[in-house]
């Protein structure tokens, strides 16, 4: 858990989102996205309200509950901002993004490494800060797709690294497999080592990848979006963006459980 890298990635992702949104005319914020009932407006409102709630502490009771309750809570917060003037939304996106980055910077480094249970599973507290970069990247692609733009395929290292760590906390411990079954994930387009997971446990790391008998190889942008529930993994396979080497069954069980939102 590298606190400076997490803080930098949070600030960088917000800067890229603002760079995408600021040149748009107001009517473009009413374009629907693939998320049910969400226009670009709702996506922006979600980013604002999540930062706001994190800085004020209003989200704390939610992140230690269930994912279903967190998503229902998110919908209520979005309603508070979605119909405001575009100028106000952009100002708030910038303002609360800066405040959240300051919060992430002030969050003590030892606390980043504190292990506790949350909606992400049992893992380091810093994951609840780092997820802002991941969430931002995912939702920016939602906006880009609404405008017919391709997914971004550069500067994805921090987002992909978060996902690999989140899988260890929230997915691989819940995947049944024979004792010692190990799956490695190798992502193209990011300078990250393969990451290995021992199914049914929280044992994970780069050193486990070498002994894995099942391996998932995928293009990083496509894999991240599929992990967030935007695309099915079997569609990635058909398009040649993902393949499985070695024993298929453990890898497919892991993919079937994988959803990090």
C-alpha atoms as a PDB file:
ATOM      1  CA  UNK A   1       0.000   0.000   0.000  1.00  0.00           C
ATOM      2  CA  UNK A   2       1.911   3.042  -1.294  1.00  0.00           C
ATOM      3  CA  UNK A   3       0.163   6.128   0.088  1.00  0.00           C
ATOM      4  CA  UNK A   4       1.878   8.722  -2.189  1.00  0.00           C
ATOM      5  CA  UNK A   5       0.967   6.697  -5.290  1.00  0.00           C
ATOM      6  CA  UNK A   6      -2.636   6.344  -4.129  1.00  0.00           C
ATOM      7  CA  UNK A   7      -2.942  10.102  -3.539  1.00  0.00           C
ATOM      8  CA  UNK A   8      -1.391  10.896  -6.919  1.00  0.00           C
ATOM      9  CA  UNK A   9      -3.725   8.497  -8.730  1.00  0.00           C
ATOM     10  CA  UNK A  10      -6.809   9.984  -7.065  1.00  0.00           C
ATOM     11  CA  UNK A  11      -5.844  13.517  -8.130  1.00  0.00           C
ATOM     12  CA  UNK A  12      -4.852  12.406 -11.644  1.00  0.00           C
ATOM     13  CA  UNK A  13      -8.120  10.581 -12.298  1.00  0.00           C
ATOM     14  CA  UNK A  14     -10.195  13.613 -11.264  1.00  0.00           C
ATOM     15  CA  UNK A  15      -8.098  15.873 -13.497  1.00  0.00           C
ATOM     16  CA  UNK A  16      -8.755  13.577 -16.473  1.00  0.00           C
ATOM     17  CA  UNK A  17     -12.488  13.529 -15.759  1.00  0.00           C
ATOM     18  CA  UNK A  18     -12.633  17.322 -15.611  1.00  0.00           C
ATOM     19  CA  UNK A  19     -10.626  17.478 -18.824  1.00  0.00           C
ATOM     20  CA  UNK A  20     -13.270  15.320 -20.517  1.00  0.00           C
ATOM     21  CA  UNK A  21     -16.279  17.205 -19.155  1.00  0.00           C
ATOM     22  CA  UNK A  22     -15.323  20.879 -19.250  1.00  0.00           C
ATOM     23  CA  UNK A  23     -15.413  21.304 -23.055  1.00  0.00           C
ATOM     24  CA  UNK A  24     -18.917  19.785 -23.300  1.00  0.00           C
ATOM     25  CA  UNK A  25     -22.048  21.786 -23.971  1.00  0.00           C
ATOM     26  CA  UNK A  26     -24.698  21.586 -21.245  1.00  0.00           C
ATOM     27  CA  UNK A  27     -27.021  19.387 -23.287  1.00  0.00           C
ATOM     28  CA  UNK A  28     -24.375  16.653 -23.426  1.00  0.00           C
ATOM     29  CA  UNK A  29     -24.852  16.086 -19.708  1.00  0.00           C
ATOM     30  CA  UNK A  30     -28.331  14.737 -20.482  1.00  0.00           C
ATOM     31  CA  UNK A  31     -26.978  11.956 -22.725  1.00  0.00           C
ATOM     32  CA  UNK A  32     -27.945   8.554 -21.265  1.00  0.00           C
ATOM     33  CA  UNK A  33     -25.262   6.085 -20.255  1.00  0.00           C
ATOM     34  CA  UNK A  34     -25.481   2.295 -20.187  1.00  0.00           C
ATOM     35  CA  UNK A  35     -26.147   2.451 -16.432  1.00  0.00           C
ATOM     36  CA  UNK A  36     -29.911   2.048 -15.925  1.00  0.00           C
ATOM     37  CA  UNK A  37     -31.546   5.430 -15.332  1.00  0.00           C
ATOM     38  CA  UNK A  38     -28.260   7.312 -15.287  1.00  0.00           C
ATOM     39  CA  UNK A  39     -27.392  10.091 -17.683  1.00  0.00           C
ATOM     40  CA  UNK A  40     -23.975  11.728 -17.682  1.00  0.00           C
ATOM     41  CA  UNK A  41     -25.504  14.010 -15.047  1.00  0.00           C
ATOM     42  CA  UNK A  42     -26.095  11.142 -12.644  1.00  0.00           C
ATOM     43  CA  UNK A  43     -22.554   9.845 -13.105  1.00  0.00           C
ATOM     44  CA  UNK A  44     -21.110  13.273 -12.287  1.00  0.00           C
ATOM     45  CA  UNK A  45     -23.471  13.624  -9.319  1.00  0.00           C
ATOM     46  CA  UNK A  46     -22.266  10.251  -8.033  1.00  0.00           C
ATOM     47  CA  UNK A  47     -18.622  11.347  -8.167  1.00  0.00           C
ATOM     48  CA  UNK A  48     -19.420  14.580  -6.320  1.00  0.00           C
ATOM     49  CA  UNK A  49     -21.553  13.036  -3.593  1.00  0.00           C
ATOM     50  CA  UNK A  50     -19.172  10.147  -2.935  1.00  0.00           C
ATOM     51  CA  UNK A  51     -16.269  12.538  -2.400  1.00  0.00           C
ATOM     52  CA  UNK A  52     -18.440  14.800  -0.262  1.00  0.00           C
ATOM     53  CA  UNK A  53     -19.657  11.933   1.906  1.00  0.00           C
ATOM     54  CA  UNK A  54     -16.130  10.565   2.345  1.00  0.00           C
ATOM     55  CA  UNK A  55     -14.730  13.923   3.430  1.00  0.00           C
ATOM     56  CA  UNK A  56     -17.613  14.634   5.828  1.00  0.00           C
ATOM     57  CA  UNK A  57     -17.718  11.054   7.129  1.00  0.00           C
ATOM     58  CA  UNK A  58     -21.305  10.477   6.041  1.00  0.00           C
ATOM     59  CA  UNK A  59     -20.314   7.382   4.056  1.00  0.00           C
ATOM     60  CA  UNK A  60     -18.589   5.586   6.939  1.00  0.00           C
ATOM     61  CA  UNK A  61     -21.613   3.595   8.090  1.00  0.00           C
ATOM     62  CA  UNK A  62     -22.205   2.467   4.512  1.00  0.00           C
ATOM     63  CA  UNK A  63     -18.732   1.133   3.662  1.00  0.00           C
ATOM     64  CA  UNK A  64     -18.870  -1.214   6.631  1.00  0.00           C
ATOM     65  CA  UNK A  65     -22.277  -2.588   5.610  1.00  0.00           C
ATOM     66  CA  UNK A  66     -23.411  -4.502   2.537  1.00  0.00           C
ATOM     67  CA  UNK A  67     -22.834  -3.593  -1.098  1.00  0.00           C
ATOM     68  CA  UNK A  68     -26.597  -3.591  -1.770  1.00  0.00           C
ATOM     69  CA  UNK A  69     -27.171  -1.025   0.979  1.00  0.00           C
ATOM     70  CA  UNK A  70     -24.272   1.083  -0.280  1.00  0.00           C
ATOM     71  CA  UNK A  71     -25.676   1.135  -3.818  1.00  0.00           C
ATOM     72  CA  UNK A  72     -29.140   2.099  -2.550  1.00  0.00           C
ATOM     73  CA  UNK A  73     -27.576   4.874  -0.482  1.00  0.00           C
ATOM     74  CA  UNK A  74     -25.652   6.073  -3.556  1.00  0.00           C
ATOM     75  CA  UNK A  75     -28.866   6.447  -5.534  1.00  0.00           C
ATOM     76  CA  UNK A  76     -30.349   8.703  -2.848  1.00  0.00           C
ATOM     77  CA  UNK A  77     -27.254  10.920  -2.796  1.00  0.00           C
ATOM     78  CA  UNK A  78     -27.197  11.253  -6.584  1.00  0.00           C
ATOM     79  CA  UNK A  79     -30.738  12.664  -6.546  1.00  0.00           C
ATOM     80  CA  UNK A  80     -29.470  15.650  -4.538  1.00  0.00           C
ATOM     81  CA  UNK A  81     -27.134  16.831  -7.312  1.00  0.00           C
ATOM     82  CA  UNK A  82     -28.245  15.429 -10.666  1.00  0.00           C
ATOM     83  CA  UNK A  83     -30.465  18.317 -11.762  1.00  0.00           C
ATOM     84  CA  UNK A  84     -28.270  21.221 -10.740  1.00  0.00           C
ATOM     85  CA  UNK A  85     -26.780  23.595 -13.356  1.00  0.00           C
ATOM     86  CA  UNK A  86     -23.817  22.125 -15.218  1.00  0.00           C
ATOM     87  CA  UNK A  87     -21.561  24.964 -14.088  1.00  0.00           C
ATOM     88  CA  UNK A  88     -22.345  24.204 -10.438  1.00  0.00           C
ATOM     89  CA  UNK A  89     -21.689  20.511 -10.966  1.00  0.00           C
ATOM     90  CA  UNK A  90     -18.295  21.125 -12.539  1.00  0.00           C
ATOM     91  CA  UNK A  91     -17.303  23.512  -9.773  1.00  0.00           C
ATOM     92  CA  UNK A  92     -18.340  20.953  -7.168  1.00  0.00           C
ATOM     93  CA  UNK A  93     -16.547  18.146  -8.988  1.00  0.00           C
ATOM     94  CA  UNK A  94     -13.336  20.163  -8.840  1.00  0.00           C
ATOM     95  CA  UNK A  95     -13.868  21.428  -5.282  1.00  0.00           C
ATOM     96  CA  UNK A  96     -14.793  18.114  -3.680  1.00  0.00           C
ATOM     97  CA  UNK A  97     -12.147  16.286  -5.689  1.00  0.00           C
ATOM     98  CA  UNK A  98      -9.504  18.568  -4.190  1.00  0.00           C
ATOM     99  CA  UNK A  99     -10.945  18.097  -0.731  1.00  0.00           C
ATOM    100  CA  UNK A 100     -10.948  14.336  -1.055  1.00  0.00           C
ATOM    101  CA  UNK A 101      -7.352  14.367  -2.318  1.00  0.00           C
ATOM    102  CA  UNK A 102      -6.432  16.474   0.733  1.00  0.00           C
ATOM    103  CA  UNK A 103      -8.255  13.969   2.944  1.00  0.00           C
ATOM    104  CA  UNK A 104      -6.345  11.087   1.344  1.00  0.00           C
ATOM    105  CA  UNK A 105      -3.087  12.969   1.888  1.00  0.00           C
ATOM    106  CA  UNK A 106      -3.915  13.634   5.554  1.00  0.00           C
ATOM    107  CA  UNK A 107      -5.049  10.060   6.258  1.00  0.00           C
ATOM    108  CA  UNK A 108      -2.158   8.623   8.352  1.00  0.00           C
ATOM    109  CA  UNK A 109       0.060   6.150   6.500  1.00  0.00           C
ATOM    110  CA  UNK A 110      -0.199   3.504   9.287  1.00  0.00           C
ATOM    111  CA  UNK A 111      -3.996   3.630   8.889  1.00  0.00           C
ATOM    112  CA  UNK A 112      -3.649   2.741   5.215  1.00  0.00           C
ATOM    113  CA  UNK A 113      -2.220  -0.616   6.329  1.00  0.00           C
ATOM    114  CA  UNK A 114      -4.749  -1.302   9.086  1.00  0.00           C
ATOM    115  CA  UNK A 115      -6.749  -4.420   8.232  1.00  0.00           C
ATOM    116  CA  UNK A 116     -10.511  -4.336   8.732  1.00  0.00           C
ATOM    117  CA  UNK A 117     -13.729  -5.721   7.189  1.00  0.00           C
ATOM    118  CA  UNK A 118     -15.684  -3.580   4.720  1.00  0.00           C
ATOM    119  CA  UNK A 119     -17.787  -3.879   1.563  1.00  0.00           C
ATOM    120  CA  UNK A 120     -14.550  -4.893  -0.177  1.00  0.00           C
ATOM    121  CA  UNK A 121     -13.991  -7.789   2.210  1.00  0.00           C
ATOM    122  CA  UNK A 122     -11.305  -7.950   4.867  1.00  0.00           C
ATOM    123  CA  UNK A 123      -8.338  -5.888   3.742  1.00  0.00           C
ATOM    124  CA  UNK A 124      -6.296  -2.770   4.300  1.00  0.00           C
ATOM    125  CA  UNK A 125      -8.183   0.413   5.206  1.00  0.00           C
ATOM    126  CA  UNK A 126      -6.284   2.234   2.480  1.00  0.00           C
ATOM    127  CA  UNK A 127      -8.281   0.255  -0.085  1.00  0.00           C
ATOM    128  CA  UNK A 128     -11.326   2.345   0.885  1.00  0.00           C
ATOM    129  CA  UNK A 129      -9.363   5.454  -0.126  1.00  0.00           C
ATOM    130  CA  UNK A 130      -7.755   3.925  -3.210  1.00  0.00           C
ATOM    131  CA  UNK A 131     -11.107   2.782  -4.584  1.00  0.00           C
ATOM    132  CA  UNK A 132     -11.850   6.404  -5.493  1.00  0.00           C
ATOM    133  CA  UNK A 133      -9.296   6.236  -8.323  1.00  0.00           C
ATOM    134  CA  UNK A 134     -10.759   2.946  -9.560  1.00  0.00           C
ATOM    135  CA  UNK A 135     -14.352   4.193  -9.332  1.00  0.00           C
ATOM    136  CA  UNK A 136     -13.427   7.408 -11.131  1.00  0.00           C
ATOM    137  CA  UNK A 137     -11.739   5.559 -13.995  1.00  0.00           C
ATOM    138  CA  UNK A 138     -14.707   3.206 -14.410  1.00  0.00           C
ATOM    139  CA  UNK A 139     -17.252   6.009 -14.480  1.00  0.00           C
ATOM    140  CA  UNK A 140     -15.198   8.084 -16.901  1.00  0.00           C
ATOM    141  CA  UNK A 141     -15.338   5.153 -19.296  1.00  0.00           C
ATOM    142  CA  UNK A 142     -19.126   5.039 -18.754  1.00  0.00           C
ATOM    143  CA  UNK A 143     -19.234   8.656 -19.927  1.00  0.00           C
ATOM    144  CA  UNK A 144     -16.879   8.039 -22.844  1.00  0.00           C
ATOM    145  CA  UNK A 145     -18.959   5.064 -23.993  1.00  0.00           C
ATOM    146  CA  UNK A 146     -22.104   7.210 -23.850  1.00  0.00           C
ATOM    147  CA  UNK A 147     -20.419   9.540 -26.341  1.00  0.00           C
ATOM    148  CA  UNK A 148     -19.237   6.686 -28.571  1.00  0.00           C
ATOM    149  CA  UNK A 149     -15.618   7.091 -27.474  1.00  0.00           C
ATOM    150  CA  UNK A 150     -13.277   4.116 -26.890  1.00  0.00           C
ATOM    151  CA  UNK A 151     -12.100   3.132 -23.429  1.00  0.00           C
ATOM    152  CA  UNK A 152      -8.824   4.701 -22.351  1.00  0.00           C
ATOM    153  CA  UNK A 153      -5.867   2.347 -22.655  1.00  0.00           C
ATOM    154  CA  UNK A 154      -3.001   4.291 -21.056  1.00  0.00           C
ATOM    155  CA  UNK A 155      -2.010   5.319 -17.510  1.00  0.00           C
ATOM    156  CA  UNK A 156      -3.959   2.414 -16.057  1.00  0.00           C
ATOM    157  CA  UNK A 157      -1.360   1.057 -13.650  1.00  0.00           C
ATOM    158  CA  UNK A 158      -2.864   2.278 -10.354  1.00  0.00           C
ATOM    159  CA  UNK A 159      -6.406   1.306 -11.312  1.00  0.00           C
ATOM    160  CA  UNK A 160      -5.341  -2.186 -12.403  1.00  0.00           C
ATOM    161  CA  UNK A 161      -3.201  -2.619  -9.307  1.00  0.00           C
ATOM    162  CA  UNK A 162      -6.146  -1.695  -7.098  1.00  0.00           C
ATOM    163  CA  UNK A 163      -8.280  -4.314  -8.836  1.00  0.00           C
ATOM    164  CA  UNK A 164      -5.691  -7.060  -8.368  1.00  0.00           C
ATOM    165  CA  UNK A 165      -5.517  -6.245  -4.652  1.00  0.00           C
ATOM    166  CA  UNK A 166      -9.304  -5.987  -4.301  1.00  0.00           C
ATOM    167  CA  UNK A 167      -9.738  -9.446  -5.834  1.00  0.00           C
ATOM    168  CA  UNK A 168      -7.619 -10.839  -3.001  1.00  0.00           C
ATOM    169  CA  UNK A 169      -9.861  -9.222  -0.391  1.00  0.00           C
ATOM    170  CA  UNK A 170     -13.323  -9.691  -1.843  1.00  0.00           C
ATOM    171  CA  UNK A 171     -13.271 -12.441  -4.478  1.00  0.00           C
ATOM    172  CA  UNK A 172     -10.676 -15.207  -4.261  1.00  0.00           C
ATOM    173  CA  UNK A 173     -11.438 -16.041  -0.578  1.00  0.00           C
ATOM    174  CA  UNK A 174     -15.025 -16.808  -1.633  1.00  0.00           C
ATOM    175  CA  UNK A 175     -14.193 -19.076  -4.571  1.00  0.00           C
ATOM    176  CA  UNK A 176     -14.369 -22.791  -3.889  1.00  0.00           C
ATOM    177  CA  UNK A 177     -11.570 -24.927  -5.186  1.00  0.00           C
ATOM    178  CA  UNK A 178      -9.542 -27.977  -4.281  1.00  0.00           C
ATOM    179  CA  UNK A 179      -6.955 -27.290  -1.555  1.00  0.00           C
ATOM    180  CA  UNK A 180      -4.038 -25.340  -2.978  1.00  0.00           C
ATOM    181  CA  UNK A 181      -5.769 -24.373  -6.237  1.00  0.00           C
ATOM    182  CA  UNK A 182      -4.035 -21.270  -7.575  1.00  0.00           C
ATOM    183  CA  UNK A 183      -4.998 -18.852 -10.334  1.00  0.00           C
ATOM    184  CA  UNK A 184      -2.749 -16.151 -11.772  1.00  0.00           C
ATOM    185  CA  UNK A 185      -3.927 -12.997 -13.523  1.00  0.00           C
ATOM    186  CA  UNK A 186      -1.693 -11.335 -16.090  1.00  0.00           C
ATOM    187  CA  UNK A 187      -2.790  -7.964 -17.477  1.00  0.00           C
ATOM    188  CA  UNK A 188      -1.412  -6.539 -20.696  1.00  0.00           C
ATOM    189  CA  UNK A 189      -0.759  -2.793 -21.178  1.00  0.00           C
ATOM    190  CA  UNK A 190       0.232  -2.194 -17.549  1.00  0.00           C
ATOM    191  CA  UNK A 191       3.716  -2.593 -16.019  1.00  0.00           C
ATOM    192  CA  UNK A 192       2.536  -4.907 -13.256  1.00  0.00           C
ATOM    193  CA  UNK A 193       3.687  -8.430 -12.384  1.00  0.00           C
ATOM    194  CA  UNK A 194       1.348 -11.375 -12.647  1.00  0.00           C
ATOM    195  CA  UNK A 195      -0.647 -11.783  -9.451  1.00  0.00           C
ATOM    196  CA  UNK A 196      -1.505 -15.162  -7.992  1.00  0.00           C
ATOM    197  CA  UNK A 197      -4.436 -16.205  -5.782  1.00  0.00           C
ATOM    198  CA  UNK A 198      -4.958 -19.343  -3.735  1.00  0.00           C
ATOM    199  CA  UNK A 199      -8.687 -19.995  -4.007  1.00  0.00           C
ATOM    200  CA  UNK A 200     -10.700 -20.128  -0.817  1.00  0.00           C
ATOM    201  CA  UNK A 201      -8.053 -18.192   1.116  1.00  0.00           C
ATOM    202  CA  UNK A 202      -6.615 -14.671   1.311  1.00  0.00           C
ATOM    203  CA  UNK A 203      -3.196 -15.919   0.260  1.00  0.00           C
ATOM    204  CA  UNK A 204      -2.065 -13.928  -2.776  1.00  0.00           C
ATOM    205  CA  UNK A 205       0.929 -12.236  -4.322  1.00  0.00           C
ATOM    206  CA  UNK A 206       3.343 -12.112  -7.226  1.00  0.00           C
ATOM    207  CA  UNK A 207       5.294 -15.063  -5.857  1.00  0.00           C
ATOM    208  CA  UNK A 208       2.206 -17.299  -6.097  1.00  0.00           C
ATOM    209  CA  UNK A 209       1.789 -16.640  -9.807  1.00  0.00           C
ATOM    210  CA  UNK A 210       4.712 -18.878 -10.780  1.00  0.00           C
ATOM    211  CA  UNK A 211       3.103 -21.914  -9.148  1.00  0.00           C
ATOM    212  CA  UNK A 212      -0.402 -21.290 -10.521  1.00  0.00           C
ATOM    213  CA  UNK A 213      -1.864 -24.072 -12.655  1.00  0.00           C
ATOM    214  CA  UNK A 214      -4.519 -21.758 -14.086  1.00  0.00           C
ATOM    215  CA  UNK A 215      -3.778 -18.428 -15.712  1.00  0.00           C
ATOM    216  CA  UNK A 216      -5.995 -15.581 -16.963  1.00  0.00           C
ATOM    217  CA  UNK A 217      -4.394 -13.312 -19.546  1.00  0.00           C
ATOM    218  CA  UNK A 218      -6.305 -10.191 -20.558  1.00  0.00           C
ATOM    219  CA  UNK A 219      -6.086  -6.686 -21.937  1.00  0.00           C
ATOM    220  CA  UNK A 220      -6.116  -4.434 -18.891  1.00  0.00           C
ATOM    221  CA  UNK A 221      -8.834  -1.900 -19.903  1.00  0.00           C
ATOM    222  CA  UNK A 222     -11.259  -4.609 -20.987  1.00  0.00           C
ATOM    223  CA  UNK A 223     -10.611  -6.699 -17.888  1.00  0.00           C
ATOM    224  CA  UNK A 224     -11.136  -3.776 -15.510  1.00  0.00           C
ATOM    225  CA  UNK A 225     -14.444  -2.847 -17.143  1.00  0.00           C
ATOM    226  CA  UNK A 226     -15.621  -6.463 -17.056  1.00  0.00           C
ATOM    227  CA  UNK A 227     -14.644  -6.737 -13.382  1.00  0.00           C
ATOM    228  CA  UNK A 228     -16.839  -3.686 -12.736  1.00  0.00           C
ATOM    229  CA  UNK A 229     -19.783  -5.487 -14.347  1.00  0.00           C
ATOM    230  CA  UNK A 230     -19.810  -3.457 -17.559  1.00  0.00           C
ATOM    231  CA  UNK A 231     -19.077  -6.361 -19.923  1.00  0.00           C
ATOM    232  CA  UNK A 232     -19.308 -10.162 -19.595  1.00  0.00           C
ATOM    233  CA  UNK A 233     -16.017 -12.026 -19.428  1.00  0.00           C
ATOM    234  CA  UNK A 234     -17.152 -14.524 -22.070  1.00  0.00           C
ATOM    235  CA  UNK A 235     -17.592 -11.619 -24.505  1.00  0.00           C
ATOM    236  CA  UNK A 236     -13.966 -10.655 -23.877  1.00  0.00           C
ATOM    237  CA  UNK A 237     -12.952 -14.228 -24.700  1.00  0.00           C
ATOM    238  CA  UNK A 238     -14.888 -14.178 -27.970  1.00  0.00           C
ATOM    239  CA  UNK A 239     -13.235 -10.891 -28.931  1.00  0.00           C
ATOM    240  CA  UNK A 240      -9.758 -12.188 -28.161  1.00  0.00           C
ATOM    241  CA  UNK A 241      -9.288  -9.791 -25.235  1.00  0.00           C
ATOM    242  CA  UNK A 242      -9.048 -12.547 -22.624  1.00  0.00           C
ATOM    243  CA  UNK A 243      -7.840 -16.131 -22.642  1.00  0.00           C
ATOM    244  CA  UNK A 244      -7.341 -18.861 -20.081  1.00  0.00           C
ATOM    245  CA  UNK A 245      -4.287 -21.085 -20.007  1.00  0.00           C
ATOM    246  CA  UNK A 246      -3.843 -24.283 -18.015  1.00  0.00           C
ATOM    247  CA  UNK A 247      -6.721 -25.627 -15.948  1.00  0.00           C
ATOM    248  CA  UNK A 248      -9.881 -23.799 -16.979  1.00  0.00           C
ATOM    249  CA  UNK A 249     -12.220 -24.666 -14.108  1.00  0.00           C
ATOM    250  CA  UNK A 250     -10.487 -22.664 -11.321  1.00  0.00           C
ATOM    251  CA  UNK A 251     -10.128 -19.591 -13.546  1.00  0.00           C
ATOM    252  CA  UNK A 252     -13.763 -19.720 -14.600  1.00  0.00           C
ATOM    253  CA  UNK A 253     -14.916 -20.056 -10.994  1.00  0.00           C
ATOM    254  CA  UNK A 254     -12.899 -16.955 -10.114  1.00  0.00           C
ATOM    255  CA  UNK A 255     -14.309 -14.967 -13.039  1.00  0.00           C
ATOM    256  CA  UNK A 256     -17.851 -16.027 -12.161  1.00  0.00           C
ATOM    257  CA  UNK A 257     -17.476 -14.446  -8.708  1.00  0.00           C
ATOM    258  CA  UNK A 258     -15.542 -11.382  -9.816  1.00  0.00           C
ATOM    259  CA  UNK A 259     -17.379  -8.068  -9.514  1.00  0.00           C
ATOM    260  CA  UNK A 260     -15.720  -5.063  -7.928  1.00  0.00           C
ATOM    261  CA  UNK A 261     -17.880  -1.909  -7.952  1.00  0.00           C
END
